[in-house]
Amino acid sequence: MIKPLADRVLVEPKEAETKTASGLYIPDTAKEKPQQGVVIAVGPGKKDEPMELKAGDVVLYGKYAGTEVSYEDKKYLIMKQSDVLATL
């Protein structure tokens, strides 16, 4: 498994919506990048910045936050704790 370092977190992004509220299917070319996900793993933090997130937290993050990583046919994002905007 991937283990983040310092103040980084590993997030599994939520799947993009495939259908609108009214029942219309969204084509792959029109899907928006998800901005919500689940924290899978967290690093130990820094001396002056302890980790506030923990595994299992559902978080919101910026549209272009993090670096995409593939591991065992799953896509993840690695980002700094400061890139996370809120928890749900």
PDB file of N, CA and C in Angstrom:
ATOM      1  N   MET A   1       0.842  -1.189   0.000  1.00  0.00           N
ATOM      2  CA  MET A   1       0.000   0.000   0.000  1.00  0.00           C
ATOM      3  C   MET A   1       0.881   1.243   0.000  1.00  0.00           C
ATOM      4  N   ILE A   2       0.351   2.314  -0.496  1.00  0.00           N
ATOM      5  CA  ILE A   2       1.065   3.582  -0.561  1.00  0.00           C
ATOM      6  C   ILE A   2       1.015   4.254   0.806  1.00  0.00           C
ATOM      7  N   LYS A   3       2.165   4.693   1.303  1.00  0.00           N
ATOM      8  CA  LYS A   3       2.229   5.382   2.585  1.00  0.00           C
ATOM      9  C   LYS A   3       2.739   6.804   2.353  1.00  0.00           C
ATOM     10  N   PRO A   4       1.887   7.810   2.526  1.00  0.00           N
ATOM     11  CA  PRO A   4       2.306   9.199   2.308  1.00  0.00           C
ATOM     12  C   PRO A   4       3.352   9.641   3.339  1.00  0.00           C
ATOM     13  N   LEU A   5       4.167  10.604   2.955  1.00  0.00           N
ATOM     14  CA  LEU A   5       5.195  11.159   3.833  1.00  0.00           C
ATOM     15  C   LEU A   5       4.786  12.557   4.292  1.00  0.00           C
ATOM     16  N   ALA A   6       5.351  12.987   5.396  1.00  0.00           N
ATOM     17  CA  ALA A   6       5.166  14.332   5.955  1.00  0.00           C
ATOM     18  C   ALA A   6       3.690  14.698   6.080  1.00  0.00           C
ATOM     19  N   ASP A   7       3.284  15.817   5.482  1.00  0.00           N
ATOM     20  CA  ASP A   7       1.904  16.302   5.632  1.00  0.00           C
ATOM     21  C   ASP A   7       1.030  15.952   4.427  1.00  0.00           C
ATOM     22  N   ARG A   8       1.325  14.838   3.775  1.00  0.00           N
ATOM     23  CA  ARG A   8       0.570  14.447   2.589  1.00  0.00           C
ATOM     24  C   ARG A   8      -0.504  13.415   2.943  1.00  0.00           C
ATOM     25  N   VAL A   9      -1.559  13.384   2.128  1.00  0.00           N
ATOM     26  CA  VAL A   9      -2.651  12.426   2.312  1.00  0.00           C
ATOM     27  C   VAL A   9      -2.924  11.707   0.989  1.00  0.00           C
ATOM     28  N   LEU A  10      -3.370  10.468   1.082  1.00  0.00           N
ATOM     29  CA  LEU A  10      -3.748   9.671  -0.080  1.00  0.00           C
ATOM     30  C   LEU A  10      -5.268   9.635  -0.126  1.00  0.00           C
ATOM     31  N   VAL A  11      -5.841  10.109  -1.225  1.00  0.00           N
ATOM     32  CA  VAL A  11      -7.295  10.230  -1.356  1.00  0.00           C
ATOM     33  C   VAL A  11      -7.766   9.398  -2.533  1.00  0.00           C
ATOM     34  N   GLU A  12      -8.847   8.644  -2.324  1.00  0.00           N
ATOM     35  CA  GLU A  12      -9.501   7.932  -3.418  1.00  0.00           C
ATOM     36  C   GLU A  12     -10.662   8.803  -3.881  1.00  0.00           C
ATOM     37  N   PRO A  13     -10.590   9.371  -5.097  1.00  0.00           N
ATOM     38  CA  PRO A  13     -11.648  10.263  -5.570  1.00  0.00           C
ATOM     39  C   PRO A  13     -12.974   9.535  -5.762  1.00  0.00           C
ATOM     40  N   LYS A  14     -14.054  10.265  -5.530  1.00  0.00           N
ATOM     41  CA  LYS A  14     -15.395   9.744  -5.765  1.00  0.00           C
ATOM     42  C   LYS A  14     -15.586   9.626  -7.270  1.00  0.00           C
ATOM     43  N   GLU A  15     -16.353   8.630  -7.688  1.00  0.00           N
ATOM     44  CA  GLU A  15     -16.633   8.453  -9.116  1.00  0.00           C
ATOM     45  C   GLU A  15     -17.397   9.653  -9.655  1.00  0.00           C
ATOM     46  N   ALA A  16     -17.109  10.034 -10.891  1.00  0.00           N
ATOM     47  CA  ALA A  16     -17.815  11.134 -11.545  1.00  0.00           C
ATOM     48  C   ALA A  16     -19.263  10.720 -11.808  1.00  0.00           C
ATOM     49  N   GLU A  17     -20.157  11.680 -11.713  1.00  0.00           N
ATOM     50  CA  GLU A  17     -21.570  11.416 -11.956  1.00  0.00           C
ATOM     51  C   GLU A  17     -21.775  10.954 -13.392  1.00  0.00           C
ATOM     52  N   THR A  18     -22.585   9.912 -13.581  1.00  0.00           N
ATOM     53  CA  THR A  18     -22.863   9.411 -14.927  1.00  0.00           C
ATOM     54  C   THR A  18     -24.259   9.782 -15.394  1.00  0.00           C
ATOM     55  N   LYS A  19     -25.080  10.279 -14.449  1.00  0.00           N
ATOM     56  CA  LYS A  19     -26.462  10.607 -14.776  1.00  0.00           C
ATOM     57  C   LYS A  19     -26.856  11.888 -14.057  1.00  0.00           C
ATOM     58  N   THR A  20     -27.642  12.725 -14.709  1.00  0.00           N
ATOM     59  CA  THR A  20     -28.127  13.948 -14.080  1.00  0.00           C
ATOM     60  C   THR A  20     -29.303  13.627 -13.161  1.00  0.00           C
ATOM     61  N   ALA A  21     -29.729  14.615 -12.385  1.00  0.00           N
ATOM     62  CA  ALA A  21     -30.857  14.436 -11.468  1.00  0.00           C
ATOM     63  C   ALA A  21     -32.151  14.104 -12.220  1.00  0.00           C
ATOM     64  N   SER A  22     -32.259  14.584 -13.444  1.00  0.00           N
ATOM     65  CA  SER A  22     -33.473  14.323 -14.231  1.00  0.00           C
ATOM     66  C   SER A  22     -33.394  13.001 -14.997  1.00  0.00           C
ATOM     67  N   GLY A  23     -32.261  12.288 -14.910  1.00  0.00           N
ATOM     68  CA  GLY A  23     -32.160  10.974 -15.537  1.00  0.00           C
ATOM     69  C   GLY A  23     -31.405  10.922 -16.848  1.00  0.00           C
ATOM     70  N   LEU A  24     -30.839  12.039 -17.297  1.00  0.00           N
ATOM     71  CA  LEU A  24     -30.067  12.046 -18.540  1.00  0.00           C
ATOM     72  C   LEU A  24     -28.663  11.526 -18.282  1.00  0.00           C
ATOM     73  N   TYR A  25     -28.142  10.717 -19.200  1.00  0.00           N
ATOM     74  CA  TYR A  25     -26.787  10.197 -19.060  1.00  0.00           C
ATOM     75  C   TYR A  25     -25.777  11.216 -19.566  1.00  0.00           C
ATOM     76  N   ILE A  26     -24.681  11.354 -18.842  1.00  0.00           N
ATOM     77  CA  ILE A  26     -23.628  12.305 -19.189  1.00  0.00           C
ATOM     78  C   ILE A  26     -22.535  11.561 -19.949  1.00  0.00           C
ATOM     79  N   PRO A  27     -22.164  12.023 -21.153  1.00  0.00           N
ATOM     80  CA  PRO A  27     -21.083  11.349 -21.892  1.00  0.00           C
ATOM     81  C   PRO A  27     -19.737  11.592 -21.214  1.00  0.00           C
ATOM     82  N   ASP A  28     -18.781  10.691 -21.466  1.00  0.00           N
ATOM     83  CA  ASP A  28     -17.454  10.786 -20.847  1.00  0.00           C
ATOM     84  C   ASP A  28     -16.768  12.113 -21.118  1.00  0.00           C
ATOM     85  N   THR A  29     -16.997  12.686 -22.274  1.00  0.00           N
ATOM     86  CA  THR A  29     -16.333  13.938 -22.641  1.00  0.00           C
ATOM     87  C   THR A  29     -16.864  15.128 -21.857  1.00  0.00           C
ATOM     88  N   ALA A  30     -18.059  15.017 -21.297  1.00  0.00           N
ATOM     89  CA  ALA A  30     -18.670  16.138 -20.583  1.00  0.00           C
ATOM     90  C   ALA A  30     -18.599  15.995 -19.060  1.00  0.00           C
ATOM     91  N   LYS A  31     -18.057  14.888 -18.577  1.00  0.00           N
ATOM     92  CA  LYS A  31     -17.994  14.678 -17.127  1.00  0.00           C
ATOM     93  C   LYS A  31     -16.995  15.631 -16.494  1.00  0.00           C
ATOM     94  N   GLU A  32     -17.351  16.135 -15.320  1.00  0.00           N
ATOM     95  CA  GLU A  32     -16.447  17.008 -14.584  1.00  0.00           C
ATOM     96  C   GLU A  32     -15.578  16.177 -13.640  1.00  0.00           C
ATOM     97  N   LYS A  33     -14.404  16.681 -13.376  1.00  0.00           N
ATOM     98  CA  LYS A  33     -13.491  16.018 -12.466  1.00  0.00           C
ATOM     99  C   LYS A  33     -14.080  16.080 -11.051  1.00  0.00           C
ATOM    100  N   PRO A  34     -14.135  14.953 -10.339  1.00  0.00           N
ATOM    101  CA  PRO A  34     -14.714  14.983  -8.990  1.00  0.00           C
ATOM    102  C   PRO A  34     -13.860  15.801  -8.026  1.00  0.00           C
ATOM    103  N   GLN A  35     -14.512  16.432  -7.052  1.00  0.00           N
ATOM    104  CA  GLN A  35     -13.813  17.235  -6.058  1.00  0.00           C
ATOM    105  C   GLN A  35     -14.073  16.715  -4.652  1.00  0.00           C
ATOM    106  N   GLN A  36     -14.466  15.457  -4.570  1.00  0.00           N
ATOM    107  CA  GLN A  36     -14.769  14.835  -3.290  1.00  0.00           C
ATOM    108  C   GLN A  36     -14.140  13.450  -3.283  1.00  0.00           C
ATOM    109  N   GLY A  37     -13.685  13.007  -2.113  1.00  0.00           N
ATOM    110  CA  GLY A  37     -13.093  11.687  -2.017  1.00  0.00           C
ATOM    111  C   GLY A  37     -12.950  11.241  -0.579  1.00  0.00           C
ATOM    112  N   VAL A  38     -12.402  10.041  -0.427  1.00  0.00           N
ATOM    113  CA  VAL A  38     -12.205   9.439   0.892  1.00  0.00           C
ATOM    114  C   VAL A  38     -10.707   9.328   1.159  1.00  0.00           C
ATOM    115  N   VAL A  39     -10.286   9.743   2.345  1.00  0.00           N
ATOM    116  CA  VAL A  39      -8.874   9.639   2.741  1.00  0.00           C
ATOM    117  C   VAL A  39      -8.573   8.172   3.017  1.00  0.00           C
ATOM    118  N   ILE A  40      -7.560   7.641   2.351  1.00  0.00           N
ATOM    119  CA  ILE A  40      -7.156   6.249   2.512  1.00  0.00           C
ATOM    120  C   ILE A  40      -6.007   6.130   3.511  1.00  0.00           C
ATOM    121  N   ALA A  41      -5.039   7.034   3.423  1.00  0.00           N
ATOM    122  CA  ALA A  41      -3.880   7.004   4.320  1.00  0.00           C
ATOM    123  C   ALA A  41      -3.366   8.423   4.529  1.00  0.00           C
ATOM    124  N   VAL A  42      -2.737   8.653   5.669  1.00  0.00           N
ATOM    125  CA  VAL A  42      -2.162   9.966   5.982  1.00  0.00           C
ATOM    126  C   VAL A  42      -0.713   9.796   6.425  1.00  0.00           C
ATOM    127  N   GLY A  43       0.075  10.833   6.192  1.00  0.00           N
ATOM    128  CA  GLY A  43       1.455  10.840   6.653  1.00  0.00           C
ATOM    129  C   GLY A  43       1.526  11.208   8.131  1.00  0.00           C
ATOM    130  N   PRO A  44       2.727  11.195   8.703  1.00  0.00           N
ATOM    131  CA  PRO A  44       2.884  11.489  10.131  1.00  0.00           C
ATOM    132  C   PRO A  44       2.741  12.967  10.488  1.00  0.00           C
ATOM    133  N   GLY A  45       2.757  13.860   9.507  1.00  0.00           N
ATOM    134  CA  GLY A  45       2.677  15.292   9.777  1.00  0.00           C
ATOM    135  C   GLY A  45       4.061  15.898   9.914  1.00  0.00           C
ATOM    136  N   LYS A  46       4.093  17.194  10.196  1.00  0.00           N
ATOM    137  CA  LYS A  46       5.349  17.913  10.409  1.00  0.00           C
ATOM    138  C   LYS A  46       5.421  18.349  11.866  1.00  0.00           C
ATOM    139  N   LYS A  47       6.599  18.783  12.289  1.00  0.00           N
ATOM    140  CA  LYS A  47       6.767  19.252  13.671  1.00  0.00           C
ATOM    141  C   LYS A  47       5.807  20.380  14.009  1.00  0.00           C
ATOM    142  N   ASP A  48       5.744  21.361  13.126  1.00  0.00           N
ATOM    143  CA  ASP A  48       4.928  22.550  13.381  1.00  0.00           C
ATOM    144  C   ASP A  48       3.504  22.450  12.825  1.00  0.00           C
ATOM    145  N   GLU A  49       3.164  21.325  12.187  1.00  0.00           N
ATOM    146  CA  GLU A  49       1.841  21.158  11.591  1.00  0.00           C
ATOM    147  C   GLU A  49       1.357  19.720  11.782  1.00  0.00           C
ATOM    148  N   PRO A  50       0.638  19.443  12.879  1.00  0.00           N
ATOM    149  CA  PRO A  50       0.145  18.083  13.103  1.00  0.00           C
ATOM    150  C   PRO A  50      -0.961  17.723  12.111  1.00  0.00           C
ATOM    151  N   MET A  51      -1.151  16.437  11.874  1.00  0.00           N
ATOM    152  CA  MET A  51      -2.186  15.980  10.950  1.00  0.00           C
ATOM    153  C   MET A  51      -3.561  16.107  11.596  1.00  0.00           C
ATOM    154  N   GLU A  52      -4.475  16.744  10.888  1.00  0.00           N
ATOM    155  CA  GLU A  52      -5.845  16.892  11.355  1.00  0.00           C
ATOM    156  C   GLU A  52      -6.757  15.858  10.708  1.00  0.00           C
ATOM    157  N   LEU A  53      -6.320  15.292   9.591  1.00  0.00           N
ATOM    158  CA  LEU A  53      -7.121  14.303   8.872  1.00  0.00           C
ATOM    159  C   LEU A  53      -6.742  12.899   9.319  1.00  0.00           C
ATOM    160  N   LYS A  54      -7.685  11.967   9.121  1.00  0.00           N
ATOM    161  CA  LYS A  54      -7.412  10.567   9.428  1.00  0.00           C
ATOM    162  C   LYS A  54      -8.033   9.703   8.334  1.00  0.00           C
ATOM    163  N   ALA A  55      -7.604   8.465   8.234  1.00  0.00           N
ATOM    164  CA  ALA A  55      -8.144   7.549   7.237  1.00  0.00           C
ATOM    165  C   ALA A  55      -9.645   7.395   7.446  1.00  0.00           C
ATOM    166  N   GLY A  56     -10.387   7.418   6.353  1.00  0.00           N
ATOM    167  CA  GLY A  56     -11.836   7.278   6.416  1.00  0.00           C
ATOM    168  C   GLY A  56     -12.593   8.595   6.317  1.00  0.00           C
ATOM    169  N   ASP A  57     -11.907   9.727   6.489  1.00  0.00           N
ATOM    170  CA  ASP A  57     -12.557  11.037   6.369  1.00  0.00           C
ATOM    171  C   ASP A  57     -13.007  11.270   4.923  1.00  0.00           C
ATOM    172  N   VAL A  58     -14.195  11.833   4.756  1.00  0.00           N
ATOM    173  CA  VAL A  58     -14.677  12.250   3.430  1.00  0.00           C
ATOM    174  C   VAL A  58     -14.326  13.723   3.298  1.00  0.00           C
ATOM    175  N   VAL A  59     -13.596  14.073   2.233  1.00  0.00           N
ATOM    176  CA  VAL A  59     -13.065  15.429   2.098  1.00  0.00           C
ATOM    177  C   VAL A  59     -13.446  16.065   0.769  1.00  0.00           C
ATOM    178  N   LEU A  60     -13.420  17.402   0.761  1.00  0.00           N
ATOM    179  CA  LEU A  60     -13.551  18.198  -0.452  1.00  0.00           C
ATOM    180  C   LEU A  60     -12.198  18.826  -0.736  1.00  0.00           C
ATOM    181  N   TYR A  61     -11.800  18.860  -2.002  1.00  0.00           N
ATOM    182  CA  TYR A  61     -10.514  19.436  -2.371  1.00  0.00           C
ATOM    183  C   TYR A  61     -10.672  20.230  -3.659  1.00  0.00           C
ATOM    184  N   GLY A  62      -9.674  21.034  -3.970  1.00  0.00           N
ATOM    185  CA  GLY A  62      -9.711  21.864  -5.162  1.00  0.00           C
ATOM    186  C   GLY A  62      -9.719  21.044  -6.443  1.00  0.00           C
ATOM    187  N   LYS A  63     -10.236  21.638  -7.499  1.00  0.00           N
ATOM    188  CA  LYS A  63     -10.383  20.941  -8.782  1.00  0.00           C
ATOM    189  C   LYS A  63      -9.056  20.424  -9.330  1.00  0.00           C
ATOM    190  N   TYR A  64      -7.992  21.177  -9.147  1.00  0.00           N
ATOM    191  CA  TYR A  64      -6.697  20.783  -9.709  1.00  0.00           C
ATOM    192  C   TYR A  64      -5.699  20.396  -8.626  1.00  0.00           C
ATOM    193  N   ALA A  65      -6.164  20.046  -7.444  1.00  0.00           N
ATOM    194  CA  ALA A  65      -5.290  19.694  -6.322  1.00  0.00           C
ATOM    195  C   ALA A  65      -4.745  18.278  -6.488  1.00  0.00           C
ATOM    196  N   GLY A  66      -3.540  18.078  -5.999  1.00  0.00           N
ATOM    197  CA  GLY A  66      -2.971  16.741  -5.922  1.00  0.00           C
ATOM    198  C   GLY A  66      -2.337  16.237  -7.195  1.00  0.00           C
ATOM    199  N   THR A  67      -1.690  15.087  -7.040  1.00  0.00           N
ATOM    200  CA  THR A  67      -1.033  14.394  -8.138  1.00  0.00           C
ATOM    201  C   THR A  67      -1.698  13.037  -8.306  1.00  0.00           C
ATOM    202  N   GLU A  68      -2.115  12.716  -9.534  1.00  0.00           N
ATOM    203  CA  GLU A  68      -2.773  11.439  -9.783  1.00  0.00           C
ATOM    204  C   GLU A  68      -1.757  10.311  -9.773  1.00  0.00           C
ATOM    205  N   VAL A  69      -2.140   9.209  -9.098  1.00  0.00           N
ATOM    206  CA  VAL A  69      -1.289   8.030  -8.993  1.00  0.00           C
ATOM    207  C   VAL A  69      -2.160   6.808  -9.229  1.00  0.00           C
ATOM    208  N   SER A  70      -1.651   5.838 -10.000  1.00  0.00           N
ATOM    209  CA  SER A  70      -2.361   4.571 -10.188  1.00  0.00           C
ATOM    210  C   SER A  70      -1.636   3.486  -9.416  1.00  0.00           C
ATOM    211  N   TYR A  71      -2.394   2.672  -8.684  1.00  0.00           N
ATOM    212  CA  TYR A  71      -1.814   1.583  -7.915  1.00  0.00           C
ATOM    213  C   TYR A  71      -2.809   0.430  -7.911  1.00  0.00           C
ATOM    214  N   GLU A  72      -2.398  -0.719  -8.398  1.00  0.00           N
ATOM    215  CA  GLU A  72      -3.246  -1.902  -8.489  1.00  0.00           C
ATOM    216  C   GLU A  72      -4.576  -1.595  -9.184  1.00  0.00           C
ATOM    217  N   ASP A  73      -4.492  -0.960 -10.339  1.00  0.00           N
ATOM    218  CA  ASP A  73      -5.650  -0.628 -11.181  1.00  0.00           C
ATOM    219  C   ASP A  73      -6.664   0.305 -10.524  1.00  0.00           C
ATOM    220  N   LYS A  74      -6.265   1.051  -9.519  1.00  0.00           N
ATOM    221  CA  LYS A  74      -7.127   2.071  -8.911  1.00  0.00           C
ATOM    222  C   LYS A  74      -6.415   3.406  -9.024  1.00  0.00           C
ATOM    223  N   LYS A  75      -7.199   4.480  -9.156  1.00  0.00           N
ATOM    224  CA  LYS A  75      -6.623   5.821  -9.238  1.00  0.00           C
ATOM    225  C   LYS A  75      -6.764   6.514  -7.893  1.00  0.00           C
ATOM    226  N   TYR A  76      -5.683   7.153  -7.473  1.00  0.00           N
ATOM    227  CA  TYR A  76      -5.642   7.890  -6.213  1.00  0.00           C
ATOM    228  C   TYR A  76      -5.072   9.275  -6.477  1.00  0.00           C
ATOM    229  N   LEU A  77      -5.227  10.147  -5.492  1.00  0.00           N
ATOM    230  CA  LEU A  77      -4.594  11.461  -5.502  1.00  0.00           C
ATOM    231  C   LEU A  77      -3.728  11.571  -4.256  1.00  0.00           C
ATOM    232  N   ILE A  78      -2.518  12.077  -4.422  1.00  0.00           N
ATOM    233  CA  ILE A  78      -1.673  12.405  -3.279  1.00  0.00           C
ATOM    234  C   ILE A  78      -1.610  13.920  -3.234  1.00  0.00           C
ATOM    235  N   MET A  79      -1.973  14.486  -2.078  1.00  0.00           N
ATOM    236  CA  MET A  79      -1.983  15.938  -1.939  1.00  0.00           C
ATOM    237  C   MET A  79      -1.559  16.332  -0.536  1.00  0.00           C
ATOM    238  N   LYS A  80      -1.169  17.584  -0.393  1.00  0.00           N
ATOM    239  CA  LYS A  80      -0.844  18.106   0.931  1.00  0.00           C
ATOM    240  C   LYS A  80      -2.127  18.300   1.719  1.00  0.00           C
ATOM    241  N   GLN A  81      -2.003  18.214   3.030  1.00  0.00           N
ATOM    242  CA  GLN A  81      -3.151  18.430   3.889  1.00  0.00           C
ATOM    243  C   GLN A  81      -3.763  19.806   3.645  1.00  0.00           C
ATOM    244  N   SER A  82      -2.933  20.790   3.322  1.00  0.00           N
ATOM    245  CA  SER A  82      -3.431  22.151   3.086  1.00  0.00           C
ATOM    246  C   SER A  82      -4.244  22.281   1.806  1.00  0.00           C
ATOM    247  N   ASP A  83      -4.158  21.294   0.887  1.00  0.00           N
ATOM    248  CA  ASP A  83      -4.968  21.299  -0.333  1.00  0.00           C
ATOM    249  C   ASP A  83      -6.402  20.873  -0.071  1.00  0.00           C
ATOM    250  N   VAL A  84      -6.644  20.242   1.076  1.00  0.00           N
ATOM    251  CA  VAL A  84      -7.995  19.821   1.422  1.00  0.00           C
ATOM    252  C   VAL A  84      -8.757  21.035   1.942  1.00  0.00           C
ATOM    253  N   LEU A  85      -9.933  21.277   1.359  1.00  0.00           N
ATOM    254  CA  LEU A  85     -10.722  22.453   1.705  1.00  0.00           C
ATOM    255  C   LEU A  85     -11.636  22.228   2.909  1.00  0.00           C
ATOM    256  N   ALA A  86     -12.216  21.027   3.017  1.00  0.00           N
ATOM    257  CA  ALA A  86     -13.169  20.766   4.099  1.00  0.00           C
ATOM    258  C   ALA A  86     -13.379  19.264   4.259  1.00  0.00           C
ATOM    259  N   THR A  87     -13.914  18.880   5.416  1.00  0.00           N
ATOM    260  CA  THR A  87     -14.336  17.496   5.642  1.00  0.00           C
ATOM    261  C   THR A  87     -15.852  17.467   5.701  1.00  0.00           C
ATOM    262  N   LEU A  88     -16.430  16.353   5.334  1.00  0.00           N
ATOM    263  CA  LEU A  88     -17.893  16.206   5.373  1.00  0.00           C
ATOM    264  C   LEU A  88     -18.299  15.281   6.486  1.00  0.00           C
TER     265      LEU A  88
END
